[in-house]
Protein backbone atom coordinates (compact mmCIF):
# COMPACT_ATOMS: atom_id res chain seq x y z
CA UNK A 1 -84.21 12.60 -21.90
CA UNK A 2 -83.90 14.91 -24.89
CA UNK A 3 -80.34 13.93 -25.73
CA UNK A 4 -78.74 12.69 -28.90
CA UNK A 5 -76.91 9.89 -27.13
CA UNK A 6 -76.26 9.27 -23.45
CA UNK A 7 -74.58 5.87 -23.62
CA UNK A 8 -72.24 3.83 -25.81
CA UNK A 9 -75.27 1.86 -26.99
CA UNK A 10 -76.95 5.03 -28.28
CA UNK A 11 -73.77 6.02 -30.11
CA UNK A 12 -73.52 2.63 -31.79
CA UNK A 13 -77.23 2.71 -32.67
CA UNK A 14 -76.81 6.18 -34.17
CA UNK A 15 -73.96 4.91 -36.34
CA UNK A 16 -76.02 1.88 -37.40
CA UNK A 17 -79.08 3.99 -38.34
CA UNK A 18 -76.91 6.42 -40.30
CA UNK A 19 -75.31 3.53 -42.20
CA UNK A 20 -78.75 2.09 -42.99
CA UNK A 21 -79.67 5.40 -44.62
CA UNK A 22 -76.36 5.47 -46.47
CA UNK A 23 -76.96 1.93 -47.76
CA UNK A 24 -80.29 3.12 -49.18
CA UNK A 25 -78.40 5.88 -51.00
CA UNK A 26 -75.95 3.32 -52.39
CA UNK A 27 -78.57 0.78 -53.50
CA UNK A 28 -81.39 3.05 -54.68
CA UNK A 29 -80.37 3.11 -58.35
CA UNK A 30 -82.36 -0.04 -59.11
CA UNK A 31 -85.58 1.74 -58.14
CA UNK A 32 -85.08 5.50 -58.39
CA UNK A 33 -82.30 5.60 -60.99
CA UNK A 34 -80.70 8.62 -59.34
CA UNK A 35 -76.94 8.79 -59.81
CA UNK A 36 -75.04 7.43 -56.84
CA UNK A 37 -73.18 10.72 -56.44
CA UNK A 38 -76.41 12.70 -56.21
CA UNK A 39 -78.05 10.14 -53.93
CA UNK A 40 -75.17 10.34 -51.44
CA UNK A 41 -75.07 14.12 -51.66
CA UNK A 42 -78.82 14.31 -50.95
CA UNK A 43 -78.46 11.97 -47.98
CA UNK A 44 -75.64 14.01 -46.45
CA UNK A 45 -77.59 17.21 -47.14
CA UNK A 46 -80.74 15.79 -45.55
CA UNK A 47 -78.81 14.43 -42.57
CA UNK A 48 -77.26 17.87 -41.99
CA UNK A 49 -80.76 19.33 -41.63
CA UNK A 50 -81.71 16.44 -39.36
CA UNK A 51 -78.94 17.46 -36.94
CA UNK A 52 -79.90 21.12 -37.36
CA UNK A 53 -83.51 20.30 -36.54
CA UNK A 54 -82.43 18.33 -33.47
CA UNK A 55 -80.76 21.42 -31.99
CA UNK A 56 -83.59 23.67 -33.18
CA UNK A 57 -86.19 21.50 -31.45
CA UNK A 58 -84.38 21.67 -28.11
CA UNK A 59 -85.31 25.36 -27.98
CA UNK A 60 -88.95 24.41 -27.60
CA UNK A 61 -89.87 25.68 -31.06
CA UNK A 62 -91.04 22.36 -32.53
CA UNK A 63 -93.55 19.59 -31.86
CA UNK A 64 -90.85 16.91 -32.20
CA UNK A 65 -89.78 17.00 -28.55
CA UNK A 66 -93.40 16.69 -27.47
CA UNK A 67 -93.83 13.61 -29.63
CA UNK A 68 -90.80 11.96 -28.04
CA UNK A 69 -91.60 12.88 -24.43
CA UNK A 70 -95.21 11.79 -24.81
CA UNK A 71 -94.14 8.53 -26.47
CA UNK A 72 -92.24 7.47 -23.35
CA UNK A 73 -95.55 6.92 -21.55
CA UNK A 74 -97.85 6.22 -24.49
CA UNK A 75 -99.82 2.96 -24.20
CA UNK A 76 -103.01 3.52 -26.23
CA UNK A 77 -102.18 1.30 -29.19
CA UNK A 78 -102.45 2.00 -32.91
CA UNK A 79 -104.27 5.13 -34.09
CA UNK A 80 -104.26 7.61 -36.95
CA UNK A 81 -103.25 11.28 -36.92
CA UNK A 82 -101.29 12.68 -33.98
CA UNK A 83 -101.80 9.59 -31.82
CA UNK A 84 -100.56 7.51 -34.74
CA UNK A 85 -97.26 9.38 -34.62
CA UNK A 86 -97.16 8.81 -30.85
CA UNK A 87 -97.59 5.10 -31.54
CA UNK A 88 -94.69 5.00 -34.02
CA UNK A 89 -92.36 7.03 -31.80
CA UNK A 90 -93.32 4.99 -28.73
CA UNK A 91 -92.32 1.80 -30.56
CA UNK A 92 -88.90 3.33 -31.17
CA UNK A 93 -88.46 4.87 -27.72
CA UNK A 94 -90.04 2.14 -25.57
CA UNK A 95 -89.63 -1.11 -27.48
CA UNK A 96 -86.25 -0.32 -29.05
CA UNK A 97 -85.00 2.01 -26.27
CA UNK A 98 -83.84 4.63 -28.78
CA UNK A 99 -82.74 8.07 -27.63
CA UNK A 100 -84.29 11.24 -28.99
CA UNK A 101 -81.32 11.62 -31.33
CA UNK A 102 -81.71 8.02 -32.53
CA UNK A 103 -85.37 8.64 -33.32
CA UNK A 104 -84.42 11.79 -35.25
CA UNK A 105 -82.12 9.70 -37.45
CA UNK A 106 -84.89 7.16 -38.12
CA UNK A 107 -87.31 9.88 -39.24
CA UNK A 108 -84.47 11.36 -41.28
CA UNK A 109 -84.50 8.17 -43.37
CA UNK A 110 -88.26 8.43 -43.91
CA UNK A 111 -87.94 11.96 -45.24
CA UNK A 112 -84.86 11.09 -47.30
CA UNK A 113 -86.74 8.37 -49.19
CA UNK A 114 -89.34 10.96 -50.17
CA UNK A 115 -86.64 13.39 -51.25
CA UNK A 116 -84.93 10.69 -53.31
CA UNK A 117 -88.22 9.83 -55.03
CA UNK A 118 -88.78 13.52 -55.79
CA UNK A 119 -85.30 13.84 -57.32
CA UNK A 120 -86.03 10.77 -59.45
CA UNK A 121 -89.32 12.25 -60.67
CA UNK A 122 -87.58 15.49 -61.67
CA UNK A 123 -84.93 13.50 -63.52
CA UNK A 124 -87.64 11.67 -65.47
CA UNK A 125 -89.56 14.72 -66.65
CA UNK A 126 -86.41 16.65 -67.61
CA UNK A 127 -84.75 13.74 -69.40
CA UNK A 128 -85.10 15.44 -72.81
CA UNK A 129 -84.84 19.05 -71.61
CA UNK A 130 -82.11 21.53 -72.40
CA UNK A 131 -78.99 21.41 -70.19
CA UNK A 132 -79.85 24.73 -68.54
CA UNK A 133 -83.31 23.45 -67.56
CA UNK A 134 -81.79 20.26 -66.16
CA UNK A 135 -79.35 22.29 -64.08
CA UNK A 136 -82.14 24.49 -62.74
CA UNK A 137 -84.27 21.44 -61.88
CA UNK A 138 -81.34 19.95 -59.94
CA UNK A 139 -81.59 22.87 -57.49
CA UNK A 140 -85.07 21.99 -56.20
CA UNK A 141 -84.33 18.76 -54.29
CA UNK A 142 -81.88 20.86 -52.27
CA UNK A 143 -84.46 23.40 -51.12
CA UNK A 144 -83.66 23.79 -47.40
CA UNK A 145 -87.32 23.87 -46.37
CA UNK A 146 -88.02 20.46 -47.86
CA UNK A 147 -85.13 18.81 -46.02
CA UNK A 148 -85.56 20.73 -42.76
CA UNK A 149 -89.14 19.68 -42.14
CA UNK A 150 -88.94 16.21 -43.71
CA UNK A 151 -86.05 15.34 -41.39
CA UNK A 152 -88.04 16.13 -38.24
CA UNK A 153 -89.70 13.76 -35.79
CA UNK A 154 -93.42 13.96 -36.49
CA UNK A 155 -95.90 14.07 -39.33
CA UNK A 156 -93.75 16.12 -41.71
CA UNK A 157 -91.19 13.36 -42.32
CA UNK A 158 -93.95 10.85 -43.07
CA UNK A 159 -95.91 13.20 -45.32
CA UNK A 160 -92.65 14.18 -47.04
CA UNK A 161 -92.07 10.52 -47.79
CA UNK A 162 -95.66 10.18 -49.00
CA UNK A 163 -95.45 13.24 -51.26
CA UNK A 164 -92.23 12.08 -52.91
CA UNK A 165 -93.38 8.50 -53.40
CA UNK A 166 -96.76 9.43 -54.87
CA UNK A 167 -95.14 11.91 -57.28
CA UNK A 168 -92.55 9.36 -58.43
CA UNK A 169 -94.94 6.43 -58.63
CA UNK A 170 -97.58 8.36 -60.59
CA UNK A 171 -95.14 8.66 -63.51
CA UNK A 172 -95.32 4.89 -64.08
CA UNK A 173 -98.37 3.51 -62.33
CA UNK A 174 -98.18 0.13 -64.03
CA UNK A 175 -94.88 -0.72 -62.37
CA UNK A 176 -95.04 1.46 -59.25
CA UNK A 177 -98.55 0.90 -57.90
CA UNK A 178 -97.33 -0.42 -54.51
CA UNK A 179 -95.51 2.90 -53.95
CA UNK A 180 -98.76 4.77 -54.62
CA UNK A 181 -100.57 2.67 -52.02
CA UNK A 182 -97.75 3.22 -49.52
CA UNK A 183 -97.80 6.98 -50.11
CA UNK A 184 -101.59 7.11 -49.84
CA UNK A 185 -101.46 5.14 -46.59
CA UNK A 186 -98.86 7.49 -45.12
CA UNK A 187 -101.06 10.47 -46.01
CA UNK A 188 -104.07 8.71 -44.48
CA UNK A 189 -102.06 7.74 -41.41
CA UNK A 190 -100.83 11.26 -40.66
CA UNK A 191 -103.15 13.73 -42.43
CA UNK A 192 -106.31 11.98 -43.66
CA UNK A 193 -107.60 15.11 -45.39
CA UNK A 194 -104.64 14.93 -47.80
CA UNK A 195 -105.47 11.28 -48.52
CA UNK A 196 -109.01 12.41 -49.30
CA UNK A 197 -107.72 15.00 -51.77
CA UNK A 198 -105.45 12.39 -53.37
CA UNK A 199 -108.30 9.91 -53.73
CA UNK A 200 -110.57 12.55 -55.23
CA UNK A 201 -107.81 13.55 -57.65
CA UNK A 202 -107.40 9.97 -58.84
CA UNK A 203 -111.14 9.68 -59.40
CA UNK A 204 -111.41 12.96 -61.33
CA UNK A 205 -108.37 12.14 -63.47
CA UNK A 206 -109.87 8.75 -64.27
CA UNK A 207 -113.18 10.27 -65.32
CA UNK A 208 -111.58 12.99 -67.46
CA UNK A 209 -109.21 10.69 -69.34
CA UNK A 210 -111.20 7.47 -69.48
CA UNK A 211 -112.12 6.20 -72.96
CA UNK A 212 -114.85 3.93 -71.63
CA UNK A 213 -118.37 4.07 -72.95
CA UNK A 214 -120.98 6.14 -71.16
CA UNK A 215 -122.46 3.00 -69.61
CA UNK A 216 -119.13 1.81 -68.25
CA UNK A 217 -118.27 5.30 -66.97
CA UNK A 218 -121.57 5.26 -65.10
CA UNK A 219 -120.67 1.89 -63.58
CA UNK A 220 -117.29 3.26 -62.56
CA UNK A 221 -119.02 6.23 -60.96
CA UNK A 222 -121.19 3.89 -58.89
CA UNK A 223 -118.00 2.48 -57.37
CA UNK A 224 -115.80 5.58 -57.32
CA UNK A 225 -118.22 8.20 -55.95
CA UNK A 226 -119.03 6.42 -52.65
CA UNK A 227 -115.33 5.80 -52.02
CA UNK A 228 -114.51 9.43 -52.82
CA UNK A 229 -117.30 10.76 -50.61
CA UNK A 230 -116.06 8.57 -47.76
CA UNK A 231 -112.50 9.82 -48.22
CA UNK A 232 -113.48 13.48 -48.37
CA UNK A 233 -115.86 13.12 -45.41
CA UNK A 234 -113.08 11.49 -43.40
CA UNK A 235 -110.75 14.33 -44.31
CA UNK A 236 -113.31 16.97 -43.35
CA UNK A 237 -114.01 15.22 -40.06
CA UNK A 238 -110.27 15.06 -39.31
CA UNK A 239 -109.92 18.75 -40.14
CA UNK A 240 -112.75 19.58 -37.77
CA UNK A 241 -115.48 20.47 -40.25
CA UNK A 242 -117.24 17.14 -40.64
CA UNK A 243 -120.31 18.44 -38.82
CA UNK A 244 -120.31 21.56 -40.99
CA UNK A 245 -121.71 19.51 -43.86
CA UNK A 246 -124.82 18.94 -41.79
CA UNK A 247 -125.10 22.41 -40.32
CA UNK A 248 -124.15 24.45 -43.38
CA UNK A 249 -121.44 26.10 -41.32
CA UNK A 250 -118.43 25.57 -43.58
CA UNK A 251 -118.05 29.29 -44.27
CA UNK A 252 -118.06 30.08 -40.54
CA UNK A 253 -115.39 27.45 -39.94
CA UNK A 254 -113.17 28.84 -42.71
CA UNK A 255 -113.50 32.35 -41.32
CA UNK A 256 -112.47 31.06 -37.89
CA UNK A 257 -109.45 29.20 -39.30
CA UNK A 258 -108.40 32.25 -41.32
CA UNK A 259 -108.14 34.40 -38.20
CA UNK A 260 -106.29 31.89 -36.01
CA UNK A 261 -102.62 32.37 -35.07
CA UNK A 262 -102.55 36.04 -35.99
CA UNK A 263 -100.46 37.05 -33.02
CA UNK A 264 -97.03 36.03 -34.26
CA UNK A 265 -94.60 37.69 -36.61
CA UNK A 266 -95.21 35.07 -39.29
CA UNK A 267 -98.97 35.70 -39.43
CA UNK A 268 -100.99 37.31 -42.20
CA UNK A 269 -104.64 38.27 -42.23
CA UNK A 270 -105.95 36.13 -45.08
CA UNK A 271 -109.57 36.62 -44.01
CA UNK A 272 -109.58 40.06 -45.63
CA UNK A 273 -107.88 38.87 -48.85
CA UNK A 274 -109.42 37.82 -52.11
CA UNK A 275 -108.95 34.20 -53.22
CA UNK A 276 -106.09 35.01 -55.66
CA UNK A 277 -104.32 36.99 -52.94
CA UNK A 278 -104.63 34.09 -50.52
CA UNK A 279 -103.24 31.64 -53.04
CA UNK A 280 -100.29 33.85 -53.98
CA UNK A 281 -99.48 34.73 -50.35
CA UNK A 282 -99.58 31.09 -49.32
CA UNK A 283 -97.30 29.96 -52.15
CA UNK A 284 -94.78 32.79 -52.51
CA UNK A 285 -94.57 34.65 -49.19
CA UNK A 286 -92.45 35.63 -47.46
CA UNK A 287 -90.40 37.33 -50.15
CA UNK A 288 -87.51 39.64 -49.40
CA UNK A 289 -89.71 42.68 -48.75
CA UNK A 290 -91.57 41.01 -45.84
CA UNK A 291 -89.00 38.49 -44.62
CA UNK A 292 -88.25 38.47 -40.89
CA UNK A 293 -84.69 37.59 -39.88
CA UNK A 294 -82.18 35.20 -41.42
CA UNK A 295 -84.66 32.33 -41.62
CA UNK A 296 -87.11 34.57 -43.46
CA UNK A 297 -84.43 35.49 -46.00
CA UNK A 298 -83.62 31.82 -46.55
CA UNK A 299 -87.29 31.01 -47.15
CA UNK A 300 -87.47 34.01 -49.49
CA UNK A 301 -84.75 32.47 -51.65
CA UNK A 302 -86.81 29.27 -51.92
CA UNK A 303 -89.94 31.21 -52.80
CA UNK A 304 -88.03 33.23 -55.39
CA UNK A 305 -86.83 30.02 -57.07
CA UNK A 306 -90.40 28.73 -57.11
CA UNK A 307 -91.73 32.03 -58.46
CA UNK A 308 -89.08 32.01 -61.20
CA UNK A 309 -90.19 28.52 -62.21
CA UNK A 310 -93.83 29.63 -62.28
CA UNK A 311 -93.08 32.65 -64.47
CA UNK A 312 -90.84 30.70 -66.85
CA UNK A 313 -93.47 28.01 -67.41
CA UNK A 314 -96.27 30.57 -67.76
CA UNK A 315 -94.46 32.24 -70.66
CA UNK A 316 -94.08 28.91 -72.47
CA UNK A 317 -97.53 27.41 -71.91
CA UNK A 318 -98.76 28.16 -75.43
CA UNK A 319 -95.62 26.86 -77.10
CA UNK A 320 -95.12 23.53 -75.39
CA UNK A 321 -96.94 20.53 -73.98
CA UNK A 322 -96.34 18.47 -70.89
CA UNK A 323 -94.29 15.30 -71.21
CA UNK A 324 -96.72 13.61 -68.82
CA UNK A 325 -99.41 11.27 -70.05
CA UNK A 326 -102.96 12.63 -69.91
CA UNK A 327 -103.95 10.70 -66.76
CA UNK A 328 -100.78 11.68 -64.90
CA UNK A 329 -101.15 15.31 -65.98
CA UNK A 330 -104.72 15.62 -64.69
CA UNK A 331 -103.85 13.72 -61.52
CA UNK A 332 -101.05 16.20 -60.78
CA UNK A 333 -103.24 19.20 -61.63
CA UNK A 334 -106.18 18.10 -59.49
CA UNK A 335 -104.03 17.17 -56.49
CA UNK A 336 -102.00 20.38 -56.60
CA UNK A 337 -105.03 22.64 -57.06
CA UNK A 338 -107.09 20.79 -54.46
CA UNK A 339 -104.30 20.93 -51.87
CA UNK A 340 -103.47 24.54 -52.66
CA UNK A 341 -107.09 25.72 -52.41
CA UNK A 342 -107.87 23.88 -49.18
CA UNK A 343 -104.65 24.74 -47.35
CA UNK A 344 -104.40 28.35 -48.51
CA UNK A 345 -107.93 29.06 -47.28
CA UNK A 346 -107.39 27.58 -43.82
CA UNK A 347 -103.93 28.94 -42.96
CA UNK A 348 -103.03 32.37 -41.62
CA UNK A 349 -99.49 31.66 -40.43
CA UNK A 350 -96.61 31.71 -42.90
CA UNK A 351 -94.53 29.38 -40.74
CA UNK A 352 -97.27 26.75 -40.88
CA UNK A 353 -97.70 27.36 -44.61
CA UNK A 354 -94.01 26.60 -45.24
CA UNK A 355 -94.47 23.19 -43.60
CA UNK A 356 -97.79 22.44 -45.28
CA UNK A 357 -96.53 23.19 -48.76
CA UNK A 358 -94.08 20.30 -48.56
CA UNK A 359 -97.08 17.95 -48.93
CA UNK A 360 -97.69 19.00 -52.53
CA UNK A 361 -94.56 20.89 -53.62
CA UNK A 362 -92.86 17.79 -55.10
CA UNK A 363 -95.84 17.18 -57.37
CA UNK A 364 -96.19 20.87 -58.24
CA UNK A 365 -92.52 21.30 -59.13
CA UNK A 366 -92.50 18.09 -61.16
CA UNK A 367 -95.63 19.23 -63.00
CA UNK A 368 -94.10 22.61 -63.87
CA UNK A 369 -90.85 21.10 -65.16
CA UNK A 370 -92.85 18.61 -67.22
CA UNK A 371 -94.30 21.63 -69.05
CA UNK A 372 -90.96 23.40 -69.54
CA UNK A 373 -88.81 21.57 -72.06
CA UNK A 374 -87.09 22.10 -75.37
CA UNK A 375 -88.98 19.57 -77.50
CA UNK A 376 -92.12 17.48 -77.39
CA UNK A 377 -90.52 14.07 -77.43
CA UNK A 378 -92.08 12.06 -74.63
CA UNK A 379 -90.19 9.26 -72.87
CA UNK A 380 -91.97 5.96 -73.43
CA UNK A 381 -92.43 5.34 -69.72
CA UNK A 382 -94.34 8.64 -69.41
CA UNK A 383 -96.82 7.91 -72.18
CA UNK A 384 -100.36 6.89 -71.31
């Protein structure tokens, strides 16, 4: 059952799905304004990791095979979270009779759209940057970790699409609002706690940057706060700590999460770390000194690129301003910090951390490059 193609029909379907993705690469310029050459290169790059993940998953080291096998008998209807992914995969495997390889190619397209949107966002914020900064920014859409996980069958492809779309759409909300709603829905569909963080970030950014009178801000609060509380409560319930709000047991839950999965080689004891240590370990480890095997070295290269970007921007913070509008800037800051704080304090496994980071890395990287540029000229479509 876990085959790429076992009939002529599956082979033809694989070719058709691949060509659908290629047509997106050829026609995307109207929306994402990425050069056709780069769009095709990104699609081939992403598809390579899709095939790599297919073979990787056959070794029993991924959830993707479980999603497909379970989908063959799934009949519980539409749901959110894990069962929601079962529902989507079951539609492909049962209703469309797609093979496991066919389904991999479908999810590859989902992740590719997110990657394309991320590349477009980077292009926008580096439009007036120096050539060397533009060249460095062009490296980040090709980070292997982003493509590896966003090409997999499961939540990561859908959240990768959501992360890219929300980052791209936030740069021009007036014209890209439908993409924001789609990205928010995908977050809500797969990982509701991330949708809660996104909703809260929108609300906080609105309150910080709003020029409304005190009375109107209060009226906005009457609408925004209940929605935000609902979103956050839903996220906490999904994460397993909804009842902690009533029992004052949040700290006990966090301690339990911080000591889970400590048996493997990719585990770190974050329970004994200070908050800064947790944040830095989550974002930048493994580095070369604690990398395990070839995969660890590859991830170390990604983390080194990210660390270099962090350091470069940190040295320029007092001499430059972001090219983002004020609302977009605060939205990015609140979403990145909220995601980083929540995930870093509930994760003890570096392998899981590498996957989780893909949900906010596009926004983080875009934010950093928006603060690292040669002049302060702001593109009109990025002004508030």
